[in-house]
N, C-alpha and C. Protein backbone atom coordinates (compact mmCIF):
# COMPACT_ATOMS: atom_id res chain seq x y z
N UNK A 1 11.98 -51.08 -3.07
CA UNK A 1 11.96 -50.37 -4.33
C UNK A 1 10.54 -50.27 -4.87
N UNK A 2 9.82 -51.39 -4.83
CA UNK A 2 8.45 -51.41 -5.30
C UNK A 2 7.57 -50.50 -4.42
N UNK A 3 7.85 -50.51 -3.13
CA UNK A 3 7.09 -49.67 -2.20
C UNK A 3 7.28 -48.20 -2.54
N UNK A 4 8.50 -47.81 -2.87
CA UNK A 4 8.79 -46.42 -3.23
C UNK A 4 8.01 -46.02 -4.47
N UNK A 5 7.98 -46.90 -5.49
CA UNK A 5 7.24 -46.60 -6.72
C UNK A 5 5.74 -46.47 -6.45
N UNK A 6 5.21 -47.33 -5.62
CA UNK A 6 3.79 -47.28 -5.28
C UNK A 6 3.47 -45.97 -4.57
N UNK A 7 4.32 -45.58 -3.65
CA UNK A 7 4.11 -44.32 -2.92
C UNK A 7 4.14 -43.14 -3.88
N UNK A 8 5.08 -43.13 -4.81
CA UNK A 8 5.19 -42.04 -5.78
C UNK A 8 3.93 -41.97 -6.65
N UNK A 9 3.45 -43.12 -7.11
CA UNK A 9 2.23 -43.15 -7.93
C UNK A 9 1.05 -42.62 -7.13
N UNK A 10 0.93 -43.03 -5.90
CA UNK A 10 -0.18 -42.56 -5.05
C UNK A 10 -0.10 -41.06 -4.84
N UNK A 11 1.09 -40.55 -4.54
CA UNK A 11 1.26 -39.11 -4.34
C UNK A 11 0.93 -38.33 -5.61
N UNK A 12 1.35 -38.85 -6.75
CA UNK A 12 1.04 -38.18 -8.02
C UNK A 12 -0.46 -38.15 -8.25
N UNK A 13 -1.14 -39.24 -7.97
CA UNK A 13 -2.59 -39.29 -8.15
C UNK A 13 -3.28 -38.33 -7.19
N UNK A 14 -2.83 -38.29 -5.96
CA UNK A 14 -3.41 -37.36 -4.99
C UNK A 14 -3.20 -35.92 -5.41
N UNK A 15 -2.02 -35.62 -5.91
CA UNK A 15 -1.71 -34.26 -6.34
C UNK A 15 -2.63 -33.84 -7.48
N UNK A 16 -2.80 -34.69 -8.47
CA UNK A 16 -3.66 -34.37 -9.61
C UNK A 16 -5.11 -34.24 -9.15
N UNK A 17 -5.55 -35.15 -8.29
CA UNK A 17 -6.96 -35.10 -7.89
C UNK A 17 -7.25 -33.91 -6.98
N UNK A 18 -6.31 -33.54 -6.13
CA UNK A 18 -6.59 -32.42 -5.23
C UNK A 18 -6.35 -31.08 -5.90
N UNK A 19 -5.42 -31.00 -6.81
CA UNK A 19 -5.09 -29.73 -7.45
C UNK A 19 -6.00 -29.42 -8.63
N UNK A 20 -6.37 -30.44 -9.38
CA UNK A 20 -7.10 -30.21 -10.61
C UNK A 20 -8.61 -30.10 -10.46
N UNK A 21 -9.17 -30.46 -9.35
CA UNK A 21 -10.61 -30.45 -9.17
C UNK A 21 -11.05 -29.17 -8.47
N UNK A 22 -12.15 -28.63 -8.93
CA UNK A 22 -12.71 -27.43 -8.31
C UNK A 22 -14.12 -27.76 -7.83
N UNK A 23 -14.57 -27.11 -6.76
CA UNK A 23 -15.96 -27.34 -6.32
C UNK A 23 -16.94 -26.94 -7.42
N UNK A 24 -18.03 -27.66 -7.51
CA UNK A 24 -19.00 -27.40 -8.57
C UNK A 24 -19.70 -26.06 -8.40
N UNK A 25 -19.60 -25.44 -7.23
CA UNK A 25 -20.26 -24.16 -6.99
C UNK A 25 -19.42 -22.97 -7.47
N UNK A 26 -18.19 -23.21 -7.91
CA UNK A 26 -17.32 -22.12 -8.36
C UNK A 26 -17.62 -21.79 -9.81
N UNK A 27 -17.80 -20.50 -10.14
CA UNK A 27 -18.09 -20.14 -11.52
C UNK A 27 -16.87 -20.32 -12.43
N UNK A 28 -17.13 -20.83 -13.63
CA UNK A 28 -16.07 -20.97 -14.63
C UNK A 28 -15.82 -19.61 -15.25
N UNK A 29 -14.61 -19.10 -15.12
CA UNK A 29 -14.26 -17.79 -15.68
C UNK A 29 -13.60 -17.92 -17.05
N UNK A 30 -13.65 -19.11 -17.60
CA UNK A 30 -13.06 -19.37 -18.91
C UNK A 30 -11.68 -19.98 -18.78
N UNK A 31 -11.30 -20.75 -19.78
CA UNK A 31 -9.99 -21.42 -19.84
C UNK A 31 -9.72 -22.28 -18.62
N UNK A 32 -10.77 -22.84 -18.03
CA UNK A 32 -10.58 -23.71 -16.87
C UNK A 32 -10.23 -22.97 -15.60
N UNK A 33 -10.40 -21.66 -15.59
CA UNK A 33 -10.11 -20.86 -14.41
C UNK A 33 -11.40 -20.70 -13.61
N UNK A 34 -11.44 -21.36 -12.47
CA UNK A 34 -12.63 -21.32 -11.64
C UNK A 34 -12.41 -20.33 -10.50
N UNK A 35 -13.27 -19.33 -10.42
CA UNK A 35 -13.14 -18.32 -9.38
C UNK A 35 -13.93 -18.70 -8.15
N UNK A 36 -13.25 -19.15 -7.14
CA UNK A 36 -13.90 -19.55 -5.92
C UNK A 36 -13.09 -19.01 -4.74
N UNK A 37 -13.05 -17.70 -4.65
CA UNK A 37 -12.24 -17.06 -3.64
C UNK A 37 -13.12 -16.12 -2.84
N UNK A 38 -12.98 -16.15 -1.56
CA UNK A 38 -13.76 -15.28 -0.69
C UNK A 38 -12.93 -14.04 -0.39
N UNK A 39 -13.31 -12.92 -0.97
CA UNK A 39 -12.57 -11.68 -0.75
C UNK A 39 -13.35 -10.72 0.14
N UNK A 40 -14.41 -11.22 0.78
CA UNK A 40 -15.23 -10.34 1.62
C UNK A 40 -14.50 -9.88 2.87
N UNK A 41 -13.42 -10.57 3.24
CA UNK A 41 -12.69 -10.18 4.44
C UNK A 41 -11.64 -9.10 4.16
N UNK A 42 -11.44 -8.76 2.89
CA UNK A 42 -10.46 -7.71 2.56
C UNK A 42 -10.95 -6.35 3.07
N UNK A 43 -10.01 -5.53 3.46
CA UNK A 43 -10.35 -4.18 3.86
C UNK A 43 -10.36 -3.25 2.65
N UNK A 44 -10.56 -1.95 2.89
CA UNK A 44 -10.48 -0.99 1.79
C UNK A 44 -9.43 0.04 2.07
N UNK A 45 -8.89 0.57 0.99
CA UNK A 45 -7.89 1.62 1.07
C UNK A 45 -8.47 2.89 0.45
N UNK A 46 -8.23 4.02 1.12
CA UNK A 46 -8.70 5.30 0.61
C UNK A 46 -7.60 6.34 0.80
N UNK A 47 -7.69 7.39 0.01
CA UNK A 47 -6.76 8.50 0.16
C UNK A 47 -7.44 9.60 0.97
N UNK A 48 -6.76 10.08 1.98
CA UNK A 48 -7.21 11.19 2.79
C UNK A 48 -6.32 12.36 2.39
N UNK A 49 -6.91 13.38 1.75
CA UNK A 49 -6.11 14.46 1.17
C UNK A 49 -6.17 15.73 1.98
N UNK A 50 -5.05 16.42 2.01
CA UNK A 50 -4.92 17.75 2.59
C UNK A 50 -5.54 17.86 3.98
N UNK A 51 -5.11 16.97 4.85
CA UNK A 51 -5.59 16.97 6.23
C UNK A 51 -4.81 18.01 7.03
N UNK A 52 -5.50 18.74 7.87
CA UNK A 52 -4.88 19.76 8.71
C UNK A 52 -4.03 19.12 9.81
N UNK A 53 -3.14 19.88 10.42
CA UNK A 53 -2.35 19.33 11.53
C UNK A 53 -3.26 18.76 12.61
N UNK A 54 -2.82 17.69 13.23
CA UNK A 54 -3.65 17.02 14.24
C UNK A 54 -3.42 17.56 15.65
N UNK A 55 -2.26 18.08 15.90
CA UNK A 55 -1.83 18.50 17.24
C UNK A 55 -2.00 17.37 18.26
N UNK A 56 -1.86 16.15 17.78
CA UNK A 56 -1.92 14.96 18.61
C UNK A 56 -0.48 14.57 18.94
N UNK A 57 -0.13 14.67 20.22
CA UNK A 57 1.24 14.40 20.64
C UNK A 57 1.68 12.97 20.37
N UNK A 58 0.75 12.07 20.15
CA UNK A 58 1.13 10.68 19.87
C UNK A 58 1.93 10.59 18.58
N UNK A 59 1.61 11.42 17.58
CA UNK A 59 2.42 11.44 16.35
C UNK A 59 3.82 11.95 16.68
N UNK A 60 3.87 13.03 17.40
CA UNK A 60 5.14 13.69 17.71
C UNK A 60 6.06 12.81 18.54
N UNK A 61 5.49 12.05 19.45
CA UNK A 61 6.29 11.25 20.38
C UNK A 61 6.38 9.77 20.01
N UNK A 62 5.98 9.41 18.80
CA UNK A 62 5.91 7.99 18.43
C UNK A 62 7.26 7.37 18.11
N UNK A 63 8.29 8.19 17.92
CA UNK A 63 9.60 7.63 17.59
C UNK A 63 9.55 6.84 16.30
N UNK A 64 10.02 5.60 16.34
CA UNK A 64 10.00 4.75 15.14
C UNK A 64 8.90 3.70 15.21
N UNK A 65 7.96 3.89 16.13
CA UNK A 65 6.83 2.97 16.27
C UNK A 65 6.10 2.87 14.93
N UNK A 66 5.99 1.67 14.42
CA UNK A 66 5.31 1.49 13.12
C UNK A 66 3.83 1.16 13.29
N UNK A 67 3.33 1.17 14.53
CA UNK A 67 1.92 0.86 14.77
C UNK A 67 1.12 2.04 15.28
N UNK A 68 1.73 3.20 15.40
CA UNK A 68 1.00 4.36 15.93
C UNK A 68 -0.15 4.73 15.00
N UNK A 69 -0.03 4.42 13.71
CA UNK A 69 -1.13 4.70 12.78
C UNK A 69 -2.37 3.91 13.17
N UNK A 70 -2.21 2.65 13.59
CA UNK A 70 -3.35 1.85 14.04
C UNK A 70 -3.95 2.44 15.30
N UNK A 71 -3.09 2.90 16.20
CA UNK A 71 -3.56 3.47 17.46
C UNK A 71 -4.39 4.73 17.22
N UNK A 72 -3.93 5.58 16.31
CA UNK A 72 -4.58 6.88 16.12
C UNK A 72 -5.69 6.83 15.07
N UNK A 73 -5.49 6.12 13.98
CA UNK A 73 -6.44 6.17 12.86
C UNK A 73 -7.23 4.87 12.66
N UNK A 74 -6.93 3.84 13.43
CA UNK A 74 -7.58 2.52 13.28
C UNK A 74 -7.37 1.94 11.89
N UNK A 75 -6.21 2.19 11.33
CA UNK A 75 -5.90 1.65 10.01
C UNK A 75 -4.40 1.66 9.76
N UNK A 76 -4.03 1.12 8.62
CA UNK A 76 -2.64 1.00 8.22
C UNK A 76 -2.34 2.06 7.17
N UNK A 77 -1.57 3.08 7.54
CA UNK A 77 -1.16 4.11 6.58
C UNK A 77 -0.04 3.51 5.74
N UNK A 78 -0.31 3.34 4.44
CA UNK A 78 0.67 2.67 3.59
C UNK A 78 1.55 3.65 2.82
N UNK A 79 1.14 4.92 2.75
CA UNK A 79 1.96 5.95 2.11
C UNK A 79 1.42 7.31 2.55
N UNK A 80 2.31 8.31 2.59
CA UNK A 80 1.88 9.63 3.00
C UNK A 80 2.78 10.72 2.45
N UNK A 81 2.25 11.94 2.45
CA UNK A 81 2.97 13.14 2.02
C UNK A 81 2.84 14.19 3.11
N UNK A 82 3.82 15.07 3.18
CA UNK A 82 3.81 16.17 4.14
C UNK A 82 3.90 17.48 3.36
N UNK A 83 3.13 18.47 3.77
CA UNK A 83 3.24 19.79 3.16
C UNK A 83 4.12 20.66 4.06
N UNK A 84 5.21 21.15 3.49
CA UNK A 84 6.11 22.01 4.25
C UNK A 84 5.49 23.37 4.49
N UNK A 85 6.13 24.14 5.37
CA UNK A 85 5.62 25.48 5.69
C UNK A 85 5.66 26.41 4.49
N UNK A 86 6.48 26.07 3.47
CA UNK A 86 6.53 26.89 2.25
C UNK A 86 5.37 26.58 1.31
N UNK A 87 4.61 25.54 1.64
CA UNK A 87 3.48 25.15 0.80
C UNK A 87 3.79 24.02 -0.18
N UNK A 88 5.05 23.63 -0.27
CA UNK A 88 5.46 22.57 -1.19
C UNK A 88 5.22 21.20 -0.54
N UNK A 89 4.62 20.30 -1.33
CA UNK A 89 4.35 18.95 -0.85
C UNK A 89 5.56 18.06 -1.10
N UNK A 90 5.83 17.17 -0.18
CA UNK A 90 6.90 16.17 -0.35
C UNK A 90 6.45 15.14 -1.37
N UNK A 91 7.35 14.25 -1.72
CA UNK A 91 6.97 13.05 -2.46
C UNK A 91 6.32 12.07 -1.50
N UNK A 92 6.00 10.90 -1.99
CA UNK A 92 5.36 9.89 -1.15
C UNK A 92 6.39 9.22 -0.25
N UNK A 93 6.03 9.05 1.00
CA UNK A 93 6.81 8.28 1.96
C UNK A 93 6.05 7.00 2.25
N UNK A 94 6.80 5.92 2.43
CA UNK A 94 6.22 4.62 2.77
C UNK A 94 6.80 4.21 4.13
N UNK A 95 5.94 3.98 5.12
CA UNK A 95 6.45 3.63 6.45
C UNK A 95 7.38 2.42 6.42
N UNK A 96 8.53 2.61 7.03
CA UNK A 96 9.51 1.53 7.09
C UNK A 96 10.37 1.39 5.86
N UNK A 97 10.10 2.18 4.83
CA UNK A 97 10.88 2.10 3.59
C UNK A 97 11.74 3.34 3.40
N UNK A 98 11.10 4.52 3.43
CA UNK A 98 11.85 5.75 3.16
C UNK A 98 11.37 6.91 4.02
N UNK A 99 10.98 6.63 5.26
CA UNK A 99 10.34 7.69 6.05
C UNK A 99 11.04 8.03 7.36
N UNK A 100 12.33 7.78 7.46
CA UNK A 100 13.04 8.19 8.67
C UNK A 100 13.38 9.67 8.59
N UNK A 101 13.13 10.40 9.66
CA UNK A 101 13.44 11.82 9.75
C UNK A 101 14.95 11.97 9.89
N UNK A 102 15.55 12.81 9.07
CA UNK A 102 17.00 13.03 9.13
C UNK A 102 17.36 14.06 10.20
N UNK A 103 16.37 14.77 10.70
CA UNK A 103 16.60 15.77 11.74
C UNK A 103 16.88 15.06 13.07
N UNK A 104 17.89 15.57 13.80
CA UNK A 104 18.18 15.02 15.13
C UNK A 104 17.21 15.66 16.11
N UNK A 105 16.47 14.85 16.81
CA UNK A 105 15.45 15.33 17.73
C UNK A 105 15.95 15.31 19.16
N UNK A 106 15.16 15.86 20.06
CA UNK A 106 15.53 15.89 21.47
C UNK A 106 15.93 14.52 21.98
N UNK A 107 17.03 14.46 22.72
CA UNK A 107 17.51 13.18 23.24
C UNK A 107 18.08 12.29 22.17
N UNK A 108 18.45 12.86 21.02
CA UNK A 108 18.97 12.11 19.88
C UNK A 108 18.02 11.01 19.42
N UNK A 109 16.73 11.23 19.63
CA UNK A 109 15.74 10.23 19.26
C UNK A 109 15.46 10.20 17.77
N UNK A 110 15.26 9.01 17.26
CA UNK A 110 14.86 8.82 15.87
C UNK A 110 13.34 8.87 15.79
N UNK A 111 12.83 9.26 14.64
CA UNK A 111 11.39 9.24 14.44
C UNK A 111 11.06 9.14 12.97
N UNK A 112 9.85 8.73 12.70
CA UNK A 112 9.35 8.68 11.32
C UNK A 112 8.82 10.05 10.95
N UNK A 113 8.79 10.30 9.65
CA UNK A 113 8.34 11.61 9.18
C UNK A 113 6.87 11.87 9.47
N UNK A 114 6.09 10.82 9.75
CA UNK A 114 4.69 11.08 10.06
C UNK A 114 4.54 11.79 11.40
N UNK A 115 5.63 11.96 12.11
CA UNK A 115 5.58 12.78 13.32
C UNK A 115 5.19 14.22 12.98
N UNK A 116 5.42 14.63 11.73
CA UNK A 116 5.05 15.97 11.28
C UNK A 116 3.54 16.13 11.07
N UNK A 117 2.77 15.05 11.19
CA UNK A 117 1.31 15.18 11.16
C UNK A 117 0.86 16.07 12.31
N UNK A 118 1.69 16.14 13.35
CA UNK A 118 1.37 16.96 14.51
C UNK A 118 1.10 18.41 14.12
N UNK A 119 2.01 19.00 13.30
CA UNK A 119 1.88 20.44 13.03
C UNK A 119 1.99 20.82 11.55
N UNK A 120 1.82 19.84 10.65
CA UNK A 120 1.86 20.11 9.21
C UNK A 120 0.61 19.53 8.53
N UNK A 121 0.22 20.14 7.43
CA UNK A 121 -0.80 19.52 6.58
C UNK A 121 -0.21 18.24 6.02
N UNK A 122 -1.05 17.28 5.78
CA UNK A 122 -0.57 15.99 5.29
C UNK A 122 -1.68 15.26 4.54
N UNK A 123 -1.27 14.33 3.71
CA UNK A 123 -2.19 13.44 2.98
C UNK A 123 -1.67 12.03 3.16
N UNK A 124 -2.58 11.06 3.11
CA UNK A 124 -2.12 9.69 3.24
C UNK A 124 -3.10 8.73 2.59
N UNK A 125 -2.59 7.55 2.32
CA UNK A 125 -3.41 6.43 1.85
C UNK A 125 -3.49 5.47 3.03
N UNK A 126 -4.72 5.18 3.44
CA UNK A 126 -4.93 4.33 4.60
C UNK A 126 -5.78 3.13 4.22
N UNK A 127 -5.41 1.98 4.75
CA UNK A 127 -6.18 0.76 4.55
C UNK A 127 -6.76 0.35 5.89
N UNK A 128 -8.08 0.14 5.90
CA UNK A 128 -8.77 -0.24 7.12
C UNK A 128 -9.46 -1.58 6.91
N UNK A 129 -9.55 -2.37 7.98
CA UNK A 129 -10.26 -3.63 7.86
C UNK A 129 -11.74 -3.39 7.62
N UNK A 130 -12.40 -4.37 7.00
CA UNK A 130 -13.84 -4.22 6.78
C UNK A 130 -14.59 -4.41 8.09
N UNK A 131 -15.89 -4.28 8.04
CA UNK A 131 -16.70 -4.38 9.26
C UNK A 131 -16.57 -5.72 9.96
N UNK A 132 -16.32 -6.77 9.18
CA UNK A 132 -16.20 -8.11 9.78
C UNK A 132 -14.94 -8.18 10.62
N UNK A 133 -13.86 -7.54 10.16
CA UNK A 133 -12.56 -7.67 10.82
C UNK A 133 -12.17 -6.41 11.59
N UNK A 134 -13.11 -5.58 11.98
CA UNK A 134 -12.75 -4.32 12.65
C UNK A 134 -12.10 -4.58 14.00
N UNK A 135 -11.34 -3.61 14.45
CA UNK A 135 -10.67 -3.71 15.72
C UNK A 135 -11.54 -3.14 16.83
N UNK A 136 -11.41 -3.68 18.02
CA UNK A 136 -12.16 -3.12 19.17
C UNK A 136 -11.72 -1.70 19.40
N UNK A 137 -12.68 -0.81 19.64
CA UNK A 137 -12.38 0.58 19.90
C UNK A 137 -12.28 1.44 18.65
N UNK A 138 -12.41 0.85 17.50
CA UNK A 138 -12.32 1.62 16.24
C UNK A 138 -13.70 1.81 15.63
C-alpha cells in the first residue's frame, strides 16, 4: 500500500515537472504560453485556378486511386472543381469524401471525378511538401 502511494507521488511529480517546464529558449507569448514549435517542415497549399485539360491518361485511368495526384502533380490535391462543357463550374469536391463519379464507365469501373481533368477545365487546391521534405522526382 505504501509502495503504491510512493509511486503515485513520484508519477505526479514527474508529470508536473515534465509538463509544466519549457525550455528557456522558447519565447513567452503571454499567459504562460511558450511557443517552441518547429513548423519549418510544413508544406504549403495553393490554389491552381482554371487549368486547361491535361490530356494525361493517368487521370482518366486512375480509377479510385487516391495517390494519382502525388504521381502527376507531386502534391496532395485536397479539393477541386470541374468546369462542365456548358461552362458551369461544379462545387468543391474533396478526394475520398464526395468525389465518386456516378457515371458507369467502361468495364463497370469506378473512378473519382478528378478523372475529368483529362478533358475538362479544372481548379484545385494542392498542398506540396517544402524543400526539406520534397519527394524524389518532383
